[in-house]
Amino acid sequence: MNKDIEQAIAAAEAEMTAFAAEKKAVEERIRELRAREDFKNGVYFPGEIFEAQQDKLRLETEILIRQNAIKRLRLGAAS
């Protein structure tokens, strides 16, 4: 593997780590919002939970994109 490919893989892995940390924070936010909901007293957060879930899905997609990029780089370097 040449240096450019190694650097690209390292950058993608670093991005994945950052996205994973952000995803964990979003998941905690979702849990927090759901725990604070009190339907009997009219306290609920459908919009905030929906937005957080969308953000979580976006982060999962970003991680998957980086994983696929790393695989492509490794396959290209191996051939």
PDB file of N, CA and C in Angstrom:
ATOM      1  N   MET A   1       0.849  -1.186   0.000  1.00  0.00           N
ATOM      2  CA  MET A   1       0.000   0.000   0.000  1.00  0.00           C
ATOM      3  C   MET A   1       0.889   1.242   0.000  1.00  0.00           C
ATOM      4  N   ASN A   2       0.515   2.203  -0.814  1.00  0.00           N
ATOM      5  CA  ASN A   2       1.330   3.411  -0.812  1.00  0.00           C
ATOM      6  C   ASN A   2       0.840   4.388   0.264  1.00  0.00           C
ATOM      7  N   LYS A   3       1.629   5.422   0.475  1.00  0.00           N
ATOM      8  CA  LYS A   3       1.344   6.366   1.565  1.00  0.00           C
ATOM      9  C   LYS A   3       0.006   7.089   1.393  1.00  0.00           C
ATOM     10  N   ASP A   4      -0.331   7.438   0.159  1.00  0.00           N
ATOM     11  CA  ASP A   4      -1.590   8.147  -0.074  1.00  0.00           C
ATOM     12  C   ASP A   4      -2.787   7.304   0.356  1.00  0.00           C
ATOM     13  N   ILE A   5      -2.750   6.022   0.043  1.00  0.00           N
ATOM     14  CA  ILE A   5      -3.854   5.129   0.419  1.00  0.00           C
ATOM     15  C   ILE A   5      -3.901   4.964   1.933  1.00  0.00           C
ATOM     16  N   GLU A   6      -2.723   4.798   2.546  1.00  0.00           N
ATOM     17  CA  GLU A   6      -2.673   4.663   4.001  1.00  0.00           C
ATOM     18  C   GLU A   6      -3.213   5.908   4.692  1.00  0.00           C
ATOM     19  N   GLN A   7      -2.865   7.069   4.151  1.00  0.00           N
ATOM     20  CA  GLN A   7      -3.359   8.325   4.729  1.00  0.00           C
ATOM     21  C   GLN A   7      -4.873   8.462   4.547  1.00  0.00           C
ATOM     22  N   ALA A   8      -5.368   8.064   3.391  1.00  0.00           N
ATOM     23  CA  ALA A   8      -6.811   8.132   3.134  1.00  0.00           C
ATOM     24  C   ALA A   8      -7.562   7.192   4.079  1.00  0.00           C
ATOM     25  N   ILE A   9      -7.013   6.008   4.296  1.00  0.00           N
ATOM     26  CA  ILE A   9      -7.639   5.049   5.219  1.00  0.00           C
ATOM     27  C   ILE A   9      -7.621   5.600   6.633  1.00  0.00           C
ATOM     28  N   ALA A  10      -6.489   6.155   7.045  1.00  0.00           N
ATOM     29  CA  ALA A  10      -6.385   6.729   8.391  1.00  0.00           C
ATOM     30  C   ALA A  10      -7.372   7.882   8.575  1.00  0.00           C
ATOM     31  N   ALA A  11      -7.522   8.706   7.560  1.00  0.00           N
ATOM     32  CA  ALA A  11      -8.468   9.828   7.645  1.00  0.00           C
ATOM     33  C   ALA A  11      -9.898   9.321   7.754  1.00  0.00           C
ATOM     34  N   ALA A  12     -10.232   8.309   6.960  1.00  0.00           N
ATOM     35  CA  ALA A  12     -11.586   7.749   7.011  1.00  0.00           C
ATOM     36  C   ALA A  12     -11.851   7.098   8.364  1.00  0.00           C
ATOM     37  N   GLU A  13     -10.853   6.424   8.908  1.00  0.00           N
ATOM     38  CA  GLU A  13     -11.021   5.811  10.230  1.00  0.00           C
ATOM     39  C   GLU A  13     -11.205   6.862  11.313  1.00  0.00           C
ATOM     40  N   ALA A  14     -10.480   7.965  11.209  1.00  0.00           N
ATOM     41  CA  ALA A  14     -10.627   9.060  12.176  1.00  0.00           C
ATOM     42  C   ALA A  14     -12.023   9.664  12.086  1.00  0.00           C
ATOM     43  N   GLU A  15     -12.517   9.843  10.863  1.00  0.00           N
ATOM     44  CA  GLU A  15     -13.867  10.369  10.681  1.00  0.00           C
ATOM     45  C   GLU A  15     -14.905   9.411  11.267  1.00  0.00           C
ATOM     46  N   MET A  16     -14.686   8.105  11.045  1.00  0.00           N
ATOM     47  CA  MET A  16     -15.611   7.113  11.598  1.00  0.00           C
ATOM     48  C   MET A  16     -15.644   7.185  13.124  1.00  0.00           C
ATOM     49  N   THR A  17     -14.494   7.364  13.733  1.00  0.00           N
ATOM     50  CA  THR A  17     -14.420   7.468  15.188  1.00  0.00           C
ATOM     51  C   THR A  17     -15.194   8.693  15.676  1.00  0.00           C
ATOM     52  N   ALA A  18     -15.034   9.805  14.980  1.00  0.00           N
ATOM     53  CA  ALA A  18     -15.749  11.027  15.359  1.00  0.00           C
ATOM     54  C   ALA A  18     -17.258  10.854  15.179  1.00  0.00           C
ATOM     55  N   PHE A  19     -17.659  10.250  14.071  1.00  0.00           N
ATOM     56  CA  PHE A  19     -19.088  10.014  13.836  1.00  0.00           C
ATOM     57  C   PHE A  19     -19.664   9.058  14.880  1.00  0.00           C
ATOM     58  N   ALA A  20     -18.895   8.042  15.262  1.00  0.00           N
ATOM     59  CA  ALA A  20     -19.367   7.079  16.261  1.00  0.00           C
ATOM     60  C   ALA A  20     -19.578   7.762  17.614  1.00  0.00           C
ATOM     61  N   ALA A  21     -18.673   8.654  17.974  1.00  0.00           N
ATOM     62  CA  ALA A  21     -18.826   9.388  19.233  1.00  0.00           C
ATOM     63  C   ALA A  21     -20.054  10.297  19.179  1.00  0.00           C
ATOM     64  N   GLU A  22     -20.242  10.959  18.048  1.00  0.00           N
ATOM     65  CA  GLU A  22     -21.409  11.829  17.875  1.00  0.00           C
ATOM     66  C   GLU A  22     -22.700  11.011  17.910  1.00  0.00           C
ATOM     67  N   LYS A  23     -22.679   9.844  17.291  1.00  0.00           N
ATOM     68  CA  LYS A  23     -23.848   8.958  17.283  1.00  0.00           C
ATOM     69  C   LYS A  23     -24.198   8.518  18.704  1.00  0.00           C
ATOM     70  N   LYS A  24     -23.182   8.201  19.480  1.00  0.00           N
ATOM     71  CA  LYS A  24     -23.412   7.792  20.872  1.00  0.00           C
ATOM     72  C   LYS A  24     -24.075   8.928  21.659  1.00  0.00           C
ATOM     73  N   ALA A  25     -23.631  10.150  21.437  1.00  0.00           N
ATOM     74  CA  ALA A  25     -24.228  11.305  22.110  1.00  0.00           C
ATOM     75  C   ALA A  25     -25.683  11.499  21.686  1.00  0.00           C
ATOM     76  N   VAL A  26     -25.964  11.301  20.409  1.00  0.00           N
ATOM     77  CA  VAL A  26     -27.332  11.441  19.904  1.00  0.00           C
ATOM     78  C   VAL A  26     -28.232  10.356  20.504  1.00  0.00           C
ATOM     79  N   GLU A  27     -27.706   9.125  20.588  1.00  0.00           N
ATOM     80  CA  GLU A  27     -28.481   8.043  21.189  1.00  0.00           C
ATOM     81  C   GLU A  27     -28.808   8.357  22.650  1.00  0.00           C
ATOM     82  N   GLU A  28     -27.856   8.939  23.353  1.00  0.00           N
ATOM     83  CA  GLU A  28     -28.096   9.324  24.752  1.00  0.00           C
ATOM     84  C   GLU A  28     -29.157  10.418  24.830  1.00  0.00           C
ATOM     85  N   ARG A  29     -29.108  11.340  23.894  1.00  0.00           N
ATOM     86  CA  ARG A  29     -30.117  12.426  23.841  1.00  0.00           C
ATOM     87  C   ARG A  29     -31.510  11.834  23.626  1.00  0.00           C
ATOM     88  N   ILE A  30     -31.626  10.856  22.739  1.00  0.00           N
ATOM     89  CA  ILE A  30     -32.917  10.209  22.486  1.00  0.00           C
ATOM     90  C   ILE A  30     -33.426   9.540  23.754  1.00  0.00           C
ATOM     91  N   ARG A  31     -32.530   8.801  24.432  1.00  0.00           N
ATOM     92  CA  ARG A  31     -32.927   8.142  25.681  1.00  0.00           C
ATOM     93  C   ARG A  31     -33.375   9.151  26.727  1.00  0.00           C
ATOM     94  N   GLU A  32     -32.643  10.255  26.807  1.00  0.00           N
ATOM     95  CA  GLU A  32     -32.970  11.307  27.777  1.00  0.00           C
ATOM     96  C   GLU A  32     -34.346  11.907  27.485  1.00  0.00           C
ATOM     97  N   LEU A  33     -34.599  12.214  26.231  1.00  0.00           N
ATOM     98  CA  LEU A  33     -35.894  12.795  25.861  1.00  0.00           C
ATOM     99  C   LEU A  33     -37.035  11.825  26.152  1.00  0.00           C
ATOM    100  N   ARG A  34     -36.843  10.570  25.832  1.00  0.00           N
ATOM    101  CA  ARG A  34     -37.895   9.581  26.086  1.00  0.00           C
ATOM    102  C   ARG A  34     -38.135   9.404  27.581  1.00  0.00           C
ATOM    103  N   ALA A  35     -37.079   9.472  28.365  1.00  0.00           N
ATOM    104  CA  ALA A  35     -37.224   9.321  29.818  1.00  0.00           C
ATOM    105  C   ALA A  35     -37.967  10.512  30.424  1.00  0.00           C
ATOM    106  N   ARG A  36     -37.806  11.684  29.830  1.00  0.00           N
ATOM    107  CA  ARG A  36     -38.456  12.892  30.352  1.00  0.00           C
ATOM    108  C   ARG A  36     -39.918  13.013  29.932  1.00  0.00           C
ATOM    109  N   GLU A  37     -40.330  12.226  28.957  1.00  0.00           N
ATOM    110  CA  GLU A  37     -41.718  12.313  28.502  1.00  0.00           C
ATOM    111  C   GLU A  37     -42.672  11.877  29.610  1.00  0.00           C
ATOM    112  N   ASP A  38     -43.780  12.601  29.705  1.00  0.00           N
ATOM    113  CA  ASP A  38     -44.831  12.292  30.684  1.00  0.00           C
ATOM    114  C   ASP A  38     -46.156  12.570  29.990  1.00  0.00           C
ATOM    115  N   PHE A  39     -46.701  11.535  29.372  1.00  0.00           N
ATOM    116  CA  PHE A  39     -47.898  11.715  28.564  1.00  0.00           C
ATOM    117  C   PHE A  39     -49.111  12.128  29.391  1.00  0.00           C
ATOM    118  N   LYS A  40     -49.181  11.673  30.626  1.00  0.00           N
ATOM    119  CA  LYS A  40     -50.316  12.038  31.489  1.00  0.00           C
ATOM    120  C   LYS A  40     -50.378  13.539  31.724  1.00  0.00           C
ATOM    121  N   ASN A  41     -49.209  14.168  31.792  1.00  0.00           N
ATOM    122  CA  ASN A  41     -49.155  15.609  32.038  1.00  0.00           C
ATOM    123  C   ASN A  41     -48.897  16.413  30.774  1.00  0.00           C
ATOM    124  N   GLY A  42     -48.946  15.759  29.633  1.00  0.00           N
ATOM    125  CA  GLY A  42     -48.795  16.458  28.362  1.00  0.00           C
ATOM    126  C   GLY A  42     -47.369  16.865  28.032  1.00  0.00           C
ATOM    127  N   VAL A  43     -46.398  16.191  28.617  1.00  0.00           N
ATOM    128  CA  VAL A  43     -45.002  16.505  28.329  1.00  0.00           C
ATOM    129  C   VAL A  43     -44.453  15.436  27.387  1.00  0.00           C
ATOM    130  N   TYR A  44     -44.188  15.841  26.162  1.00  0.00           N
ATOM    131  CA  TYR A  44     -43.639  14.920  25.183  1.00  0.00           C
ATOM    132  C   TYR A  44     -42.822  15.706  24.160  1.00  0.00           C
ATOM    133  N   PHE A  45     -41.935  15.005  23.487  1.00  0.00           N
ATOM    134  CA  PHE A  45     -40.969  15.655  22.593  1.00  0.00           C
ATOM    135  C   PHE A  45     -40.898  14.958  21.237  1.00  0.00           C
ATOM    136  N   PRO A  46     -42.003  14.866  20.518  1.00  0.00           N
ATOM    137  CA  PRO A  46     -41.970  14.117  19.257  1.00  0.00           C
ATOM    138  C   PRO A  46     -41.038  14.739  18.215  1.00  0.00           C
ATOM    139  N   GLY A  47     -41.041  16.032  18.116  1.00  0.00           N
ATOM    140  CA  GLY A  47     -40.190  16.699  17.119  1.00  0.00           C
ATOM    141  C   GLY A  47     -38.715  16.524  17.415  1.00  0.00           C
ATOM    142  N   GLU A  48     -38.365  16.719  18.680  1.00  0.00           N
ATOM    143  CA  GLU A  48     -36.963  16.599  19.071  1.00  0.00           C
ATOM    144  C   GLU A  48     -36.468  15.161  18.912  1.00  0.00           C
ATOM    145  N   ILE A  49     -37.311  14.198  19.284  1.00  0.00           N
ATOM    146  CA  ILE A  49     -36.926  12.793  19.157  1.00  0.00           C
ATOM    147  C   ILE A  49     -36.781  12.427  17.684  1.00  0.00           C
ATOM    148  N   PHE A  50     -37.713  12.877  16.859  1.00  0.00           N
ATOM    149  CA  PHE A  50     -37.650  12.582  15.432  1.00  0.00           C
ATOM    150  C   PHE A  50     -36.369  13.150  14.820  1.00  0.00           C
ATOM    151  N   GLU A  51     -36.050  14.403  15.148  1.00  0.00           N
ATOM    152  CA  GLU A  51     -34.842  15.028  14.617  1.00  0.00           C
ATOM    153  C   GLU A  51     -33.594  14.284  15.075  1.00  0.00           C
ATOM    154  N   ALA A  52     -33.577  13.866  16.333  1.00  0.00           N
ATOM    155  CA  ALA A  52     -32.427  13.123  16.846  1.00  0.00           C
ATOM    156  C   ALA A  52     -32.301  11.769  16.149  1.00  0.00           C
ATOM    157  N   GLN A  53     -33.429  11.117  15.897  1.00  0.00           N
ATOM    158  CA  GLN A  53     -33.394   9.834  15.196  1.00  0.00           C
ATOM    159  C   GLN A  53     -32.887  10.012  13.765  1.00  0.00           C
ATOM    160  N   GLN A  54     -33.312  11.079  13.124  1.00  0.00           N
ATOM    161  CA  GLN A  54     -32.828  11.361  11.768  1.00  0.00           C
ATOM    162  C   GLN A  54     -31.317  11.604  11.787  1.00  0.00           C
ATOM    163  N   ASP A  55     -30.858  12.336  12.795  1.00  0.00           N
ATOM    164  CA  ASP A  55     -29.432  12.607  12.922  1.00  0.00           C
ATOM    165  C   ASP A  55     -28.663  11.307  13.148  1.00  0.00           C
ATOM    166  N   LYS A  56     -29.217  10.421  13.963  1.00  0.00           N
ATOM    167  CA  LYS A  56     -28.598   9.122  14.220  1.00  0.00           C
ATOM    168  C   LYS A  56     -28.480   8.326  12.915  1.00  0.00           C
ATOM    169  N   LEU A  57     -29.539   8.320  12.120  1.00  0.00           N
ATOM    170  CA  LEU A  57     -29.499   7.616  10.834  1.00  0.00           C
ATOM    171  C   LEU A  57     -28.464   8.224   9.893  1.00  0.00           C
ATOM    172  N   ARG A  58     -28.363   9.544   9.905  1.00  0.00           N
ATOM    173  CA  ARG A  58     -27.365  10.219   9.071  1.00  0.00           C
ATOM    174  C   ARG A  58     -25.961   9.792   9.484  1.00  0.00           C
ATOM    175  N   LEU A  59     -25.724   9.739  10.786  1.00  0.00           N
ATOM    176  CA  LEU A  59     -24.408   9.349  11.282  1.00  0.00           C
ATOM    177  C   LEU A  59     -24.091   7.893  10.935  1.00  0.00           C
ATOM    178  N   GLU A  60     -25.087   7.025  11.055  1.00  0.00           N
ATOM    179  CA  GLU A  60     -24.889   5.625  10.672  1.00  0.00           C
ATOM    180  C   GLU A  60     -24.526   5.520   9.194  1.00  0.00           C
ATOM    181  N   THR A  61     -25.173   6.336   8.372  1.00  0.00           N
ATOM    182  CA  THR A  61     -24.882   6.340   6.937  1.00  0.00           C
ATOM    183  C   THR A  61     -23.470   6.857   6.670  1.00  0.00           C
ATOM    184  N   GLU A  62     -23.073   7.906   7.368  1.00  0.00           N
ATOM    185  CA  GLU A  62     -21.717   8.439   7.200  1.00  0.00           C
ATOM    186  C   GLU A  62     -20.675   7.394   7.578  1.00  0.00           C
ATOM    187  N   ILE A  63     -20.922   6.657   8.656  1.00  0.00           N
ATOM    188  CA  ILE A  63     -19.999   5.599   9.078  1.00  0.00           C
ATOM    189  C   ILE A  63     -19.922   4.521   8.002  1.00  0.00           C
ATOM    190  N   LEU A  64     -21.071   4.115   7.484  1.00  0.00           N
ATOM    191  CA  LEU A  64     -21.114   3.082   6.448  1.00  0.00           C
ATOM    192  C   LEU A  64     -20.372   3.537   5.190  1.00  0.00           C
ATOM    193  N   ILE A  65     -20.528   4.787   4.821  1.00  0.00           N
ATOM    194  CA  ILE A  65     -19.833   5.328   3.650  1.00  0.00           C
ATOM    195  C   ILE A  65     -18.327   5.233   3.853  1.00  0.00           C
ATOM    196  N   ARG A  66     -17.856   5.585   5.056  1.00  0.00           N
ATOM    197  CA  ARG A  66     -16.417   5.519   5.339  1.00  0.00           C
ATOM    198  C   ARG A  66     -15.926   4.065   5.334  1.00  0.00           C
ATOM    199  N   GLN A  67     -16.730   3.150   5.889  1.00  0.00           N
ATOM    200  CA  GLN A  67     -16.347   1.741   5.884  1.00  0.00           C
ATOM    201  C   GLN A  67     -16.199   1.229   4.456  1.00  0.00           C
ATOM    202  N   ASN A  68     -17.144   1.584   3.607  1.00  0.00           N
ATOM    203  CA  ASN A  68     -17.088   1.156   2.207  1.00  0.00           C
ATOM    204  C   ASN A  68     -15.902   1.784   1.482  1.00  0.00           C
ATOM    205  N   ALA A  69     -15.597   3.027   1.791  1.00  0.00           N
ATOM    206  CA  ALA A  69     -14.453   3.693   1.167  1.00  0.00           C
ATOM    207  C   ALA A  69     -13.158   2.983   1.555  1.00  0.00           C
ATOM    208  N   ILE A  70     -13.047   2.607   2.821  1.00  0.00           N
ATOM    209  CA  ILE A  70     -11.854   1.896   3.279  1.00  0.00           C
ATOM    210  C   ILE A  70     -11.726   0.556   2.553  1.00  0.00           C
ATOM    211  N   LYS A  71     -12.831  -0.163   2.422  1.00  0.00           N
ATOM    212  CA  LYS A  71     -12.803  -1.443   1.713  1.00  0.00           C
ATOM    213  C   LYS A  71     -12.353  -1.257   0.267  1.00  0.00           C
ATOM    214  N   ARG A  72     -12.897  -0.227  -0.389  1.00  0.00           N
ATOM    215  CA  ARG A  72     -12.507   0.038  -1.781  1.00  0.00           C
ATOM    216  C   ARG A  72     -11.021   0.358  -1.882  1.00  0.00           C
ATOM    217  N   LEU A  73     -10.533   1.172  -0.955  1.00  0.00           N
ATOM    218  CA  LEU A  73      -9.117   1.528  -0.966  1.00  0.00           C
ATOM    219  C   LEU A  73      -8.243   0.299  -0.767  1.00  0.00           C
ATOM    220  N   ARG A  74      -8.621  -0.554   0.161  1.00  0.00           N
ATOM    221  CA  ARG A  74      -7.837  -1.767   0.433  1.00  0.00           C
ATOM    222  C   ARG A  74      -7.877  -2.729  -0.752  1.00  0.00           C
ATOM    223  N   LEU A  75      -9.048  -2.864  -1.366  1.00  0.00           N
ATOM    224  CA  LEU A  75      -9.158  -3.746  -2.530  1.00  0.00           C
ATOM    225  C   LEU A  75      -8.359  -3.197  -3.700  1.00  0.00           C
ATOM    226  N   GLY A  76      -8.423  -1.895  -3.887  1.00  0.00           N
ATOM    227  CA  GLY A  76      -7.661  -1.273  -4.972  1.00  0.00           C
ATOM    228  C   GLY A  76      -6.175  -1.377  -4.765  1.00  0.00           C
ATOM    229  N   ALA A  77      -5.732  -1.307  -3.541  1.00  0.00           N
ATOM    230  CA  ALA A  77      -4.308  -1.391  -3.240  1.00  0.00           C
ATOM    231  C   ALA A  77      -3.810  -2.828  -3.369  1.00  0.00           C
ATOM    232  N   ALA A  78      -4.719  -3.781  -3.123  1.00  0.00           N
ATOM    233  CA  ALA A  78      -4.318  -5.195  -3.184  1.00  0.00           C
ATOM    234  C   ALA A  78      -4.181  -5.691  -4.615  1.00  0.00           C
ATOM    235  N   SER A  79      -4.837  -5.026  -5.543  1.00  0.00           N
ATOM    236  CA  SER A  79      -4.804  -5.519  -6.927  1.00  0.00           C
ATOM    237  C   SER A  79      -3.698  -4.911  -7.748  1.00  0.00           C
TER     238      SER A  79
END
